[in-house]
């Protein structure tokens, strides 16, 4: 990367579900020219809104004179995100979702080949599972819905960005709460780190 004095301000647009990890990458590498803006993680429940939300942030950033980096994969938009990024002239990080980017495409493919019925966690989702998933789906009130939501899954795979005993305990509790075996895989920041290193 260029020296700090040569770097224009760079706006990094990402999902709120990976914001902490992206801010950490930037801080640990001393990339003071980068700033992060997020769309709410809850938009994954309405993925059709994601592409235009990203477009609005791209255009607002460019209006301020920022260079723009987008750290969204397809994220359930059925190609909509790639279309917007192409129209706006922004490089696509690729991948179907953040799990694939953290793990790397080949490693993620192998994980899916090993067990297609895998439910994936990141650090964020491990910490937020009880609120966003267990209670969010009403399993605290209607435990009989467990099989409706998770009956096809065979295990929970926790992709670890930063080793932390508290986060691991959350992942263990998440797996136990829906009756799945927990498998732990250490990925670090994976493709997000690698992608940002080129910016």
N, C-alpha and C. Protein backbone atom coordinates (compact mmCIF):
# COMPACT_ATOMS: atom_id res chain seq x y z
N UNK A 1 0.85 -1.19 0.00
CA UNK A 1 0.00 0.00 0.00
C UNK A 1 0.89 1.25 0.00
N UNK A 2 0.32 2.37 -0.44
CA UNK A 2 1.08 3.61 -0.46
C UNK A 2 1.32 4.12 0.95
N UNK A 3 2.23 5.10 1.07
CA UNK A 3 2.47 5.71 2.37
C UNK A 3 1.24 6.50 2.77
N UNK A 4 1.03 6.71 4.10
CA UNK A 4 -0.18 7.40 4.56
C UNK A 4 -0.39 8.74 3.91
N UNK A 5 0.69 9.48 3.65
CA UNK A 5 0.55 10.81 3.08
C UNK A 5 -0.01 10.77 1.66
N UNK A 6 0.21 9.64 0.97
CA UNK A 6 -0.24 9.52 -0.42
C UNK A 6 -1.64 8.95 -0.55
N UNK A 7 -2.23 8.53 0.55
CA UNK A 7 -3.51 7.83 0.48
C UNK A 7 -4.69 8.77 0.58
N UNK A 8 -5.63 8.71 -0.37
CA UNK A 8 -6.87 9.46 -0.19
C UNK A 8 -7.72 8.79 0.88
N UNK A 9 -8.71 9.51 1.36
CA UNK A 9 -9.63 8.93 2.33
C UNK A 9 -10.42 7.82 1.66
N UNK A 10 -10.52 6.69 2.35
CA UNK A 10 -11.24 5.53 1.81
C UNK A 10 -12.40 5.18 2.71
N UNK A 11 -13.59 5.13 2.11
CA UNK A 11 -14.79 4.72 2.82
C UNK A 11 -14.97 3.22 2.63
N UNK A 12 -15.03 2.48 3.75
CA UNK A 12 -15.26 1.04 3.72
C UNK A 12 -16.70 0.79 4.13
N UNK A 13 -17.49 0.25 3.20
CA UNK A 13 -18.91 -0.01 3.44
C UNK A 13 -19.07 -1.49 3.73
N UNK A 14 -19.69 -1.81 4.87
CA UNK A 14 -19.85 -3.22 5.22
C UNK A 14 -21.12 -3.42 6.03
N UNK A 15 -21.41 -4.67 6.31
CA UNK A 15 -22.56 -5.04 7.12
C UNK A 15 -22.25 -4.84 8.60
N UNK A 16 -23.25 -4.46 9.37
CA UNK A 16 -23.06 -4.30 10.80
C UNK A 16 -22.61 -5.58 11.48
N UNK A 17 -22.88 -6.74 10.85
CA UNK A 17 -22.50 -8.02 11.44
C UNK A 17 -21.00 -8.28 11.40
N UNK A 18 -20.27 -7.56 10.55
CA UNK A 18 -18.81 -7.73 10.50
C UNK A 18 -18.08 -6.43 10.83
N UNK A 19 -18.81 -5.41 11.27
CA UNK A 19 -18.21 -4.10 11.50
C UNK A 19 -17.08 -4.15 12.52
N UNK A 20 -17.28 -4.85 13.62
CA UNK A 20 -16.25 -4.92 14.65
C UNK A 20 -14.96 -5.52 14.11
N UNK A 21 -15.11 -6.58 13.30
CA UNK A 21 -13.93 -7.22 12.72
C UNK A 21 -13.22 -6.30 11.73
N UNK A 22 -13.98 -5.58 10.92
CA UNK A 22 -13.36 -4.69 9.93
C UNK A 22 -12.65 -3.53 10.62
N UNK A 23 -13.28 -2.96 11.63
CA UNK A 23 -12.65 -1.87 12.39
C UNK A 23 -11.36 -2.39 13.04
N UNK A 24 -11.37 -3.60 13.55
CA UNK A 24 -10.18 -4.18 14.18
C UNK A 24 -9.06 -4.36 13.16
N UNK A 25 -9.38 -4.88 11.98
CA UNK A 25 -8.36 -5.03 10.93
C UNK A 25 -7.72 -3.69 10.62
N UNK A 26 -8.55 -2.68 10.43
CA UNK A 26 -8.04 -1.35 10.07
C UNK A 26 -7.17 -0.79 11.18
N UNK A 27 -7.64 -0.91 12.42
CA UNK A 27 -6.89 -0.39 13.57
C UNK A 27 -5.56 -1.12 13.74
N UNK A 28 -5.59 -2.45 13.66
CA UNK A 28 -4.37 -3.22 13.88
C UNK A 28 -3.31 -2.96 12.81
N UNK A 29 -3.75 -2.56 11.63
CA UNK A 29 -2.80 -2.28 10.55
C UNK A 29 -2.45 -0.80 10.42
N UNK A 30 -3.05 0.04 11.26
CA UNK A 30 -2.74 1.47 11.22
C UNK A 30 -3.19 2.16 9.96
N UNK A 31 -4.28 1.68 9.36
CA UNK A 31 -4.76 2.29 8.13
C UNK A 31 -5.67 3.46 8.47
N UNK A 32 -5.06 4.55 8.86
CA UNK A 32 -5.82 5.71 9.33
C UNK A 32 -6.60 6.40 8.23
N UNK A 33 -6.30 6.08 6.97
CA UNK A 33 -7.02 6.70 5.86
C UNK A 33 -8.38 6.05 5.63
N UNK A 34 -8.64 4.94 6.34
CA UNK A 34 -9.90 4.22 6.14
C UNK A 34 -10.91 4.54 7.24
N UNK A 35 -12.16 4.67 6.85
CA UNK A 35 -13.26 4.84 7.80
C UNK A 35 -14.38 3.88 7.40
N UNK A 36 -15.13 3.44 8.38
CA UNK A 36 -16.13 2.39 8.16
C UNK A 36 -17.54 2.94 8.33
N UNK A 37 -18.41 2.59 7.40
CA UNK A 37 -19.84 2.85 7.54
C UNK A 37 -20.57 1.54 7.29
N UNK A 38 -21.64 1.32 8.04
CA UNK A 38 -22.34 0.03 7.99
C UNK A 38 -23.80 0.20 7.63
N UNK A 39 -24.32 -0.83 7.01
CA UNK A 39 -25.76 -1.00 6.93
C UNK A 39 -26.15 -1.95 8.06
N UNK A 40 -27.37 -1.83 8.59
CA UNK A 40 -27.77 -2.68 9.73
C UNK A 40 -27.75 -4.16 9.37
N UNK A 41 -27.26 -4.98 10.29
CA UNK A 41 -27.22 -6.42 10.07
C UNK A 41 -28.61 -6.98 9.82
N UNK A 42 -29.64 -6.35 10.38
CA UNK A 42 -31.00 -6.88 10.25
C UNK A 42 -31.50 -6.85 8.81
N UNK A 43 -30.81 -6.10 7.92
CA UNK A 43 -31.23 -6.07 6.52
C UNK A 43 -31.05 -7.42 5.84
N UNK A 44 -30.28 -8.33 6.47
CA UNK A 44 -30.17 -9.67 5.91
C UNK A 44 -31.51 -10.40 5.94
N UNK A 45 -32.43 -9.92 6.77
CA UNK A 45 -33.78 -10.47 6.77
C UNK A 45 -34.61 -9.93 5.61
N UNK A 46 -34.07 -8.89 4.94
CA UNK A 46 -34.74 -8.28 3.79
C UNK A 46 -33.67 -7.97 2.75
N UNK A 47 -33.01 -9.02 2.20
CA UNK A 47 -31.84 -8.80 1.35
C UNK A 47 -32.10 -8.00 0.09
N UNK A 48 -33.34 -7.93 -0.35
CA UNK A 48 -33.63 -7.14 -1.56
C UNK A 48 -33.33 -5.66 -1.35
N UNK A 49 -33.29 -5.22 -0.08
CA UNK A 49 -33.00 -3.81 0.22
C UNK A 49 -31.51 -3.51 0.26
N UNK A 50 -30.68 -4.54 0.33
CA UNK A 50 -29.24 -4.33 0.49
C UNK A 50 -28.58 -3.61 -0.69
N UNK A 51 -28.79 -4.03 -1.92
CA UNK A 51 -28.06 -3.39 -3.03
C UNK A 51 -28.27 -1.89 -3.12
N UNK A 52 -29.51 -1.44 -3.01
CA UNK A 52 -29.75 0.00 -3.11
C UNK A 52 -29.26 0.74 -1.87
N UNK A 53 -29.28 0.08 -0.73
CA UNK A 53 -28.69 0.69 0.46
C UNK A 53 -27.20 0.91 0.29
N UNK A 54 -26.52 -0.08 -0.31
CA UNK A 54 -25.09 0.05 -0.58
C UNK A 54 -24.85 1.14 -1.63
N UNK A 55 -25.69 1.16 -2.67
CA UNK A 55 -25.53 2.19 -3.70
C UNK A 55 -25.60 3.59 -3.10
N UNK A 56 -26.55 3.81 -2.21
CA UNK A 56 -26.71 5.13 -1.59
C UNK A 56 -25.46 5.52 -0.82
N UNK A 57 -24.86 4.56 -0.10
CA UNK A 57 -23.64 4.86 0.66
C UNK A 57 -22.46 5.10 -0.27
N UNK A 58 -22.37 4.36 -1.37
CA UNK A 58 -21.31 4.59 -2.35
C UNK A 58 -21.38 6.02 -2.87
N UNK A 59 -22.56 6.43 -3.27
CA UNK A 59 -22.72 7.76 -3.87
C UNK A 59 -22.49 8.87 -2.86
N UNK A 60 -22.94 8.65 -1.62
CA UNK A 60 -22.69 9.66 -0.58
C UNK A 60 -21.20 9.78 -0.31
N UNK A 61 -20.49 8.66 -0.27
CA UNK A 61 -19.05 8.69 -0.04
C UNK A 61 -18.31 9.40 -1.16
N UNK A 62 -18.67 9.09 -2.38
CA UNK A 62 -18.01 9.73 -3.52
C UNK A 62 -18.31 11.23 -3.57
N UNK A 63 -19.50 11.62 -3.15
CA UNK A 63 -19.85 13.04 -3.12
C UNK A 63 -18.96 13.80 -2.14
N UNK A 64 -18.44 13.09 -1.12
CA UNK A 64 -17.52 13.70 -0.17
C UNK A 64 -16.06 13.61 -0.65
N UNK A 65 -15.85 12.95 -1.78
CA UNK A 65 -14.50 12.81 -2.31
C UNK A 65 -13.77 11.57 -1.85
N UNK A 66 -14.48 10.63 -1.23
CA UNK A 66 -13.85 9.40 -0.75
C UNK A 66 -13.67 8.39 -1.88
N UNK A 67 -12.61 7.61 -1.78
CA UNK A 67 -12.57 6.36 -2.52
C UNK A 67 -13.46 5.38 -1.76
N UNK A 68 -14.00 4.39 -2.46
CA UNK A 68 -14.98 3.51 -1.84
C UNK A 68 -14.59 2.05 -2.00
N UNK A 69 -14.69 1.31 -0.90
CA UNK A 69 -14.49 -0.14 -0.88
C UNK A 69 -15.75 -0.75 -0.28
N UNK A 70 -16.28 -1.79 -0.92
CA UNK A 70 -17.50 -2.46 -0.43
C UNK A 70 -17.16 -3.89 -0.05
N UNK A 71 -17.52 -4.27 1.17
CA UNK A 71 -17.21 -5.60 1.67
C UNK A 71 -18.46 -6.47 1.79
N UNK A 72 -19.36 -6.33 0.84
CA UNK A 72 -20.53 -7.19 0.77
C UNK A 72 -20.31 -8.27 -0.28
N UNK A 73 -20.68 -9.49 0.05
CA UNK A 73 -20.79 -10.55 -0.95
C UNK A 73 -22.21 -10.49 -1.52
N UNK A 74 -22.68 -11.59 -2.09
CA UNK A 74 -24.04 -11.57 -2.62
C UNK A 74 -25.07 -11.42 -1.51
N UNK A 75 -24.87 -12.11 -0.40
CA UNK A 75 -25.69 -11.94 0.81
C UNK A 75 -27.18 -12.14 0.55
N UNK A 76 -27.51 -13.11 -0.32
CA UNK A 76 -28.91 -13.42 -0.55
C UNK A 76 -29.64 -12.50 -1.50
N UNK A 77 -28.90 -11.67 -2.24
CA UNK A 77 -29.54 -10.70 -3.14
C UNK A 77 -29.78 -11.26 -4.54
N UNK A 78 -29.41 -12.51 -4.78
CA UNK A 78 -29.65 -13.13 -6.08
C UNK A 78 -28.97 -12.41 -7.23
N UNK A 79 -27.76 -11.92 -6.98
CA UNK A 79 -27.01 -11.21 -8.02
C UNK A 79 -27.22 -9.70 -8.00
N UNK A 80 -28.14 -9.24 -7.17
CA UNK A 80 -28.42 -7.81 -7.12
C UNK A 80 -27.25 -6.97 -6.64
N UNK A 81 -26.49 -7.50 -5.67
CA UNK A 81 -25.35 -6.74 -5.16
C UNK A 81 -24.27 -6.61 -6.24
N UNK A 82 -23.97 -7.70 -6.93
CA UNK A 82 -22.96 -7.64 -7.99
C UNK A 82 -23.36 -6.66 -9.08
N UNK A 83 -24.64 -6.61 -9.42
CA UNK A 83 -25.14 -5.69 -10.45
C UNK A 83 -24.91 -4.24 -10.03
N UNK A 84 -25.25 -3.90 -8.79
CA UNK A 84 -25.06 -2.54 -8.31
C UNK A 84 -23.57 -2.17 -8.29
N UNK A 85 -22.73 -3.08 -7.80
CA UNK A 85 -21.30 -2.79 -7.73
C UNK A 85 -20.71 -2.59 -9.13
N UNK A 86 -21.17 -3.39 -10.09
CA UNK A 86 -20.70 -3.21 -11.46
C UNK A 86 -21.14 -1.87 -12.02
N UNK A 87 -22.40 -1.52 -11.78
CA UNK A 87 -22.92 -0.24 -12.27
C UNK A 87 -22.18 0.94 -11.65
N UNK A 88 -21.77 0.78 -10.39
CA UNK A 88 -21.08 1.87 -9.69
C UNK A 88 -19.57 1.81 -9.87
N UNK A 89 -19.07 0.79 -10.55
CA UNK A 89 -17.63 0.69 -10.79
C UNK A 89 -16.82 0.36 -9.56
N UNK A 90 -17.41 -0.47 -8.67
CA UNK A 90 -16.73 -0.86 -7.44
C UNK A 90 -16.37 -2.34 -7.51
N UNK A 91 -15.15 -2.67 -7.15
CA UNK A 91 -14.70 -4.06 -7.19
C UNK A 91 -15.50 -4.92 -6.23
N UNK A 92 -15.83 -6.12 -6.67
CA UNK A 92 -16.62 -7.06 -5.88
C UNK A 92 -15.70 -7.99 -5.10
N UNK A 93 -15.89 -8.10 -3.78
CA UNK A 93 -15.06 -9.01 -2.98
C UNK A 93 -15.36 -10.46 -3.29
N UNK A 94 -16.54 -10.73 -3.86
CA UNK A 94 -16.90 -12.09 -4.23
C UNK A 94 -17.46 -12.89 -3.07
N UNK A 95 -17.82 -14.12 -3.37
CA UNK A 95 -18.38 -15.00 -2.35
C UNK A 95 -19.88 -14.87 -2.24
N UNK A 96 -20.48 -15.89 -1.66
CA UNK A 96 -21.93 -15.88 -1.46
C UNK A 96 -22.33 -15.12 -0.21
N UNK A 97 -21.44 -15.12 0.80
CA UNK A 97 -21.75 -14.53 2.10
C UNK A 97 -20.45 -14.41 2.90
N UNK A 98 -20.54 -13.80 4.08
CA UNK A 98 -19.33 -13.54 4.87
C UNK A 98 -18.67 -14.83 5.35
N UNK A 99 -19.45 -15.91 5.53
CA UNK A 99 -18.86 -17.17 5.97
C UNK A 99 -17.83 -17.64 4.95
N UNK A 100 -18.18 -17.52 3.68
CA UNK A 100 -17.26 -17.94 2.62
C UNK A 100 -16.03 -17.04 2.57
N UNK A 101 -16.21 -15.75 2.80
CA UNK A 101 -15.07 -14.83 2.76
C UNK A 101 -14.14 -15.06 3.94
N UNK A 102 -14.70 -15.28 5.13
CA UNK A 102 -13.86 -15.58 6.28
C UNK A 102 -13.08 -16.88 6.08
N UNK A 103 -13.76 -17.91 5.60
CA UNK A 103 -13.13 -19.22 5.48
C UNK A 103 -12.26 -19.35 4.25
N UNK A 104 -12.55 -18.57 3.20
CA UNK A 104 -11.91 -18.76 1.91
C UNK A 104 -12.76 -19.71 1.08
N UNK A 105 -12.88 -19.45 -0.22
CA UNK A 105 -13.82 -20.19 -1.07
C UNK A 105 -13.54 -21.69 -1.06
N UNK A 106 -12.27 -22.08 -1.21
CA UNK A 106 -11.97 -23.50 -1.28
C UNK A 106 -12.23 -24.21 0.05
N UNK A 107 -11.85 -23.56 1.13
CA UNK A 107 -12.07 -24.16 2.45
C UNK A 107 -13.56 -24.25 2.75
N UNK A 108 -14.31 -23.21 2.38
CA UNK A 108 -15.75 -23.24 2.63
C UNK A 108 -16.41 -24.34 1.80
N UNK A 109 -15.98 -24.48 0.55
CA UNK A 109 -16.52 -25.54 -0.30
C UNK A 109 -16.28 -26.91 0.33
N UNK A 110 -15.08 -27.08 0.89
CA UNK A 110 -14.77 -28.36 1.54
C UNK A 110 -15.65 -28.59 2.76
N UNK A 111 -15.87 -27.54 3.54
CA UNK A 111 -16.74 -27.66 4.70
C UNK A 111 -18.15 -28.09 4.29
N UNK A 112 -18.64 -27.52 3.20
CA UNK A 112 -19.97 -27.87 2.73
C UNK A 112 -20.00 -29.28 2.15
N UNK A 113 -18.93 -29.67 1.49
CA UNK A 113 -18.86 -31.04 0.98
C UNK A 113 -18.82 -32.05 2.12
N UNK A 114 -18.11 -31.69 3.20
CA UNK A 114 -18.01 -32.59 4.35
C UNK A 114 -19.37 -32.77 5.02
N UNK A 115 -20.11 -31.67 5.14
CA UNK A 115 -21.44 -31.74 5.77
C UNK A 115 -22.32 -30.60 5.25
N UNK A 116 -23.15 -30.90 4.23
CA UNK A 116 -24.03 -29.85 3.70
C UNK A 116 -24.98 -29.28 4.75
N UNK A 117 -25.31 -30.07 5.76
CA UNK A 117 -26.23 -29.60 6.79
C UNK A 117 -25.51 -28.89 7.92
N UNK A 118 -24.75 -27.86 7.57
CA UNK A 118 -23.99 -27.09 8.57
C UNK A 118 -24.60 -25.71 8.76
N UNK A 119 -24.76 -25.32 10.01
CA UNK A 119 -25.19 -23.96 10.36
C UNK A 119 -23.94 -23.22 10.82
N UNK A 120 -23.65 -22.07 10.20
CA UNK A 120 -22.40 -21.37 10.47
C UNK A 120 -22.59 -20.21 11.43
N UNK A 121 -21.57 -20.03 12.28
CA UNK A 121 -21.48 -18.89 13.18
C UNK A 121 -20.19 -18.13 12.90
N UNK A 122 -20.25 -16.82 13.05
CA UNK A 122 -19.05 -15.97 13.15
C UNK A 122 -18.96 -15.50 14.60
N UNK A 123 -17.93 -14.73 14.91
CA UNK A 123 -17.83 -14.17 16.26
C UNK A 123 -19.09 -13.37 16.60
N UNK A 124 -19.52 -12.53 15.66
CA UNK A 124 -20.70 -11.70 15.89
C UNK A 124 -21.92 -12.57 16.16
N UNK A 125 -22.15 -13.56 15.29
CA UNK A 125 -23.36 -14.36 15.44
C UNK A 125 -23.32 -15.25 16.67
N UNK A 126 -22.11 -15.68 17.06
CA UNK A 126 -22.00 -16.45 18.30
C UNK A 126 -22.47 -15.60 19.48
N UNK A 127 -22.02 -14.35 19.52
CA UNK A 127 -22.39 -13.47 20.63
C UNK A 127 -23.87 -13.07 20.59
N UNK A 128 -24.41 -12.96 19.38
CA UNK A 128 -25.77 -12.45 19.22
C UNK A 128 -26.80 -13.55 18.98
N UNK A 129 -26.38 -14.81 19.01
CA UNK A 129 -27.27 -15.91 18.64
C UNK A 129 -28.52 -15.95 19.50
N UNK A 130 -28.38 -15.83 20.79
CA UNK A 130 -29.54 -15.94 21.67
C UNK A 130 -30.59 -14.89 21.33
N UNK A 131 -30.14 -13.66 21.11
CA UNK A 131 -31.08 -12.57 20.82
C UNK A 131 -31.62 -12.65 19.40
N UNK A 132 -30.71 -12.79 18.42
CA UNK A 132 -31.12 -12.69 17.02
C UNK A 132 -31.77 -13.96 16.49
N UNK A 133 -31.28 -15.11 16.93
CA UNK A 133 -31.77 -16.36 16.37
C UNK A 133 -32.72 -17.08 17.32
N UNK A 134 -32.23 -17.44 18.51
CA UNK A 134 -33.05 -18.25 19.42
C UNK A 134 -34.32 -17.51 19.82
N UNK A 135 -34.16 -16.31 20.37
CA UNK A 135 -35.33 -15.53 20.75
C UNK A 135 -35.99 -14.89 19.54
N UNK A 136 -35.16 -14.51 18.56
CA UNK A 136 -35.68 -13.88 17.35
C UNK A 136 -36.65 -14.78 16.59
N UNK A 137 -36.38 -16.08 16.61
CA UNK A 137 -37.27 -17.04 15.96
C UNK A 137 -38.37 -17.55 16.90
N UNK A 138 -38.36 -17.08 18.13
CA UNK A 138 -39.40 -17.46 19.08
C UNK A 138 -39.21 -18.81 19.73
N UNK A 139 -37.97 -19.36 19.65
CA UNK A 139 -37.73 -20.68 20.23
C UNK A 139 -37.78 -20.68 21.75
N UNK A 140 -37.59 -19.52 22.37
CA UNK A 140 -37.72 -19.44 23.83
C UNK A 140 -39.18 -19.62 24.25
N UNK A 141 -40.10 -19.26 23.37
CA UNK A 141 -41.54 -19.36 23.67
C UNK A 141 -42.17 -20.60 23.04
N UNK A 142 -41.63 -21.02 21.91
CA UNK A 142 -42.20 -22.15 21.17
C UNK A 142 -41.11 -23.15 20.80
N UNK A 143 -40.59 -23.86 21.79
CA UNK A 143 -39.47 -24.78 21.53
C UNK A 143 -39.81 -25.86 20.51
N UNK A 144 -41.08 -26.13 20.31
CA UNK A 144 -41.47 -27.15 19.34
C UNK A 144 -41.10 -26.75 17.90
N UNK A 145 -40.78 -25.46 17.69
CA UNK A 145 -40.39 -25.00 16.35
C UNK A 145 -38.94 -25.35 16.01
N UNK A 146 -38.21 -25.92 16.97
CA UNK A 146 -36.81 -26.24 16.74
C UNK A 146 -36.62 -27.07 15.47
N UNK A 147 -37.41 -28.13 15.32
CA UNK A 147 -37.24 -29.00 14.16
C UNK A 147 -37.68 -28.32 12.87
N UNK A 148 -38.62 -27.41 12.96
CA UNK A 148 -39.04 -26.67 11.77
C UNK A 148 -37.89 -25.84 11.21
N UNK A 149 -37.17 -25.18 12.12
CA UNK A 149 -36.07 -24.32 11.68
C UNK A 149 -34.76 -25.08 11.48
N UNK A 150 -34.48 -26.04 12.33
CA UNK A 150 -33.14 -26.62 12.35
C UNK A 150 -33.11 -28.14 12.14
N UNK A 151 -34.23 -28.72 11.78
CA UNK A 151 -34.30 -30.15 11.62
C UNK A 151 -33.40 -30.72 10.54
N UNK A 152 -33.05 -29.90 9.54
CA UNK A 152 -32.20 -30.37 8.44
C UNK A 152 -30.71 -30.20 8.73
N UNK A 153 -30.39 -29.48 9.81
CA UNK A 153 -28.97 -29.25 10.13
C UNK A 153 -28.41 -30.41 10.93
N UNK A 154 -27.13 -30.67 10.73
CA UNK A 154 -26.46 -31.77 11.43
C UNK A 154 -25.40 -31.28 12.41
N UNK A 155 -24.84 -30.09 12.16
CA UNK A 155 -23.86 -29.56 13.09
C UNK A 155 -23.77 -28.04 12.95
N UNK A 156 -23.19 -27.40 13.94
CA UNK A 156 -22.94 -25.97 13.93
C UNK A 156 -21.43 -25.77 13.80
N UNK A 157 -21.02 -24.97 12.82
CA UNK A 157 -19.60 -24.71 12.58
C UNK A 157 -19.31 -23.26 12.96
N UNK A 158 -18.47 -23.10 13.95
CA UNK A 158 -18.09 -21.76 14.42
C UNK A 158 -16.78 -21.37 13.77
N UNK A 159 -16.85 -20.36 12.90
CA UNK A 159 -15.67 -19.83 12.23
C UNK A 159 -15.11 -18.71 13.11
N UNK A 160 -13.98 -18.96 13.72
CA UNK A 160 -13.43 -18.05 14.74
C UNK A 160 -12.56 -16.98 14.10
N UNK A 161 -12.90 -15.72 14.35
CA UNK A 161 -12.05 -14.62 13.89
C UNK A 161 -10.97 -14.28 14.92
N UNK A 162 -11.38 -14.18 16.18
CA UNK A 162 -10.43 -13.90 17.27
C UNK A 162 -10.73 -14.86 18.41
N UNK A 163 -9.71 -15.54 18.89
CA UNK A 163 -9.92 -16.47 19.99
C UNK A 163 -10.29 -15.71 21.25
N UNK A 164 -11.40 -16.10 21.84
CA UNK A 164 -11.91 -15.44 23.04
C UNK A 164 -12.77 -16.45 23.79
N UNK A 165 -12.41 -16.78 25.03
CA UNK A 165 -13.17 -17.80 25.76
C UNK A 165 -14.64 -17.46 25.94
N UNK A 166 -14.95 -16.18 26.12
CA UNK A 166 -16.35 -15.79 26.29
C UNK A 166 -17.16 -16.04 25.02
N UNK A 167 -16.56 -15.69 23.87
CA UNK A 167 -17.26 -15.90 22.60
C UNK A 167 -17.41 -17.39 22.32
N UNK A 168 -16.39 -18.18 22.64
CA UNK A 168 -16.50 -19.63 22.49
C UNK A 168 -17.61 -20.18 23.36
N UNK A 169 -17.73 -19.67 24.58
CA UNK A 169 -18.81 -20.12 25.46
C UNK A 169 -20.18 -19.79 24.87
N UNK A 170 -20.30 -18.63 24.23
CA UNK A 170 -21.55 -18.28 23.56
C UNK A 170 -21.84 -19.25 22.43
N UNK A 171 -20.81 -19.63 21.67
CA UNK A 171 -20.99 -20.57 20.57
C UNK A 171 -21.42 -21.93 21.10
N UNK A 172 -20.81 -22.36 22.19
CA UNK A 172 -21.18 -23.64 22.80
C UNK A 172 -22.63 -23.62 23.28
N UNK A 173 -23.02 -22.51 23.88
CA UNK A 173 -24.40 -22.38 24.35
C UNK A 173 -25.38 -22.34 23.17
N UNK A 174 -24.97 -21.69 22.09
CA UNK A 174 -25.83 -21.62 20.90
C UNK A 174 -26.07 -23.02 20.34
N UNK A 175 -25.00 -23.80 20.21
CA UNK A 175 -25.14 -25.15 19.68
C UNK A 175 -26.03 -26.00 20.59
N UNK A 176 -25.80 -25.90 21.89
CA UNK A 176 -26.60 -26.69 22.84
C UNK A 176 -28.07 -26.29 22.80
N UNK A 177 -28.34 -25.00 22.59
CA UNK A 177 -29.71 -24.52 22.64
C UNK A 177 -30.58 -25.10 21.52
N UNK A 178 -29.94 -25.49 20.41
CA UNK A 178 -30.72 -26.08 19.31
C UNK A 178 -30.30 -27.52 19.04
N UNK A 179 -29.54 -28.10 19.97
CA UNK A 179 -29.23 -29.51 19.90
C UNK A 179 -28.32 -29.93 18.78
N UNK A 180 -27.32 -29.10 18.46
CA UNK A 180 -26.37 -29.44 17.41
C UNK A 180 -24.97 -29.61 17.98
N UNK A 181 -24.19 -30.49 17.36
CA UNK A 181 -22.77 -30.64 17.69
C UNK A 181 -22.03 -29.40 17.22
N UNK A 182 -21.09 -28.91 18.02
CA UNK A 182 -20.30 -27.74 17.65
C UNK A 182 -18.95 -28.16 17.11
N UNK A 183 -18.60 -27.60 15.96
CA UNK A 183 -17.26 -27.76 15.38
C UNK A 183 -16.62 -26.39 15.30
N UNK A 184 -15.39 -26.26 15.75
CA UNK A 184 -14.71 -24.96 15.78
C UNK A 184 -13.61 -24.94 14.73
N UNK A 185 -13.65 -23.94 13.87
CA UNK A 185 -12.63 -23.75 12.84
C UNK A 185 -12.07 -22.34 12.96
N UNK A 186 -10.77 -22.21 13.01
CA UNK A 186 -10.12 -20.89 13.13
C UNK A 186 -9.82 -20.34 11.74
N UNK A 187 -10.41 -19.21 11.43
CA UNK A 187 -10.22 -18.60 10.11
C UNK A 187 -9.46 -17.28 10.17
N UNK A 188 -9.44 -16.62 11.34
CA UNK A 188 -8.96 -15.24 11.36
C UNK A 188 -9.90 -14.38 10.52
N UNK A 189 -9.36 -13.34 9.91
CA UNK A 189 -10.18 -12.42 9.13
C UNK A 189 -10.26 -12.81 7.66
N UNK A 190 -9.52 -13.85 7.28
CA UNK A 190 -9.64 -14.44 5.96
C UNK A 190 -9.58 -13.43 4.82
N UNK A 191 -10.54 -13.55 3.91
CA UNK A 191 -10.55 -12.73 2.71
C UNK A 191 -10.75 -11.25 2.96
N UNK A 192 -11.36 -10.89 4.09
CA UNK A 192 -11.53 -9.46 4.38
C UNK A 192 -10.18 -8.79 4.60
N UNK A 193 -9.31 -9.43 5.37
CA UNK A 193 -7.95 -8.92 5.60
C UNK A 193 -7.22 -8.81 4.26
N UNK A 194 -7.27 -9.88 3.48
CA UNK A 194 -6.53 -9.91 2.21
C UNK A 194 -7.03 -8.86 1.24
N UNK A 195 -8.34 -8.67 1.18
CA UNK A 195 -8.92 -7.69 0.27
C UNK A 195 -8.51 -6.28 0.67
N UNK A 196 -8.60 -5.96 1.95
CA UNK A 196 -8.25 -4.61 2.41
C UNK A 196 -6.77 -4.31 2.24
N UNK A 197 -5.92 -5.33 2.30
CA UNK A 197 -4.49 -5.10 2.13
C UNK A 197 -4.14 -4.56 0.75
N UNK A 198 -5.03 -4.74 -0.21
CA UNK A 198 -4.77 -4.26 -1.58
C UNK A 198 -5.31 -2.85 -1.80
N UNK A 199 -5.94 -2.27 -0.79
CA UNK A 199 -6.61 -0.97 -0.98
C UNK A 199 -5.79 0.18 -0.38
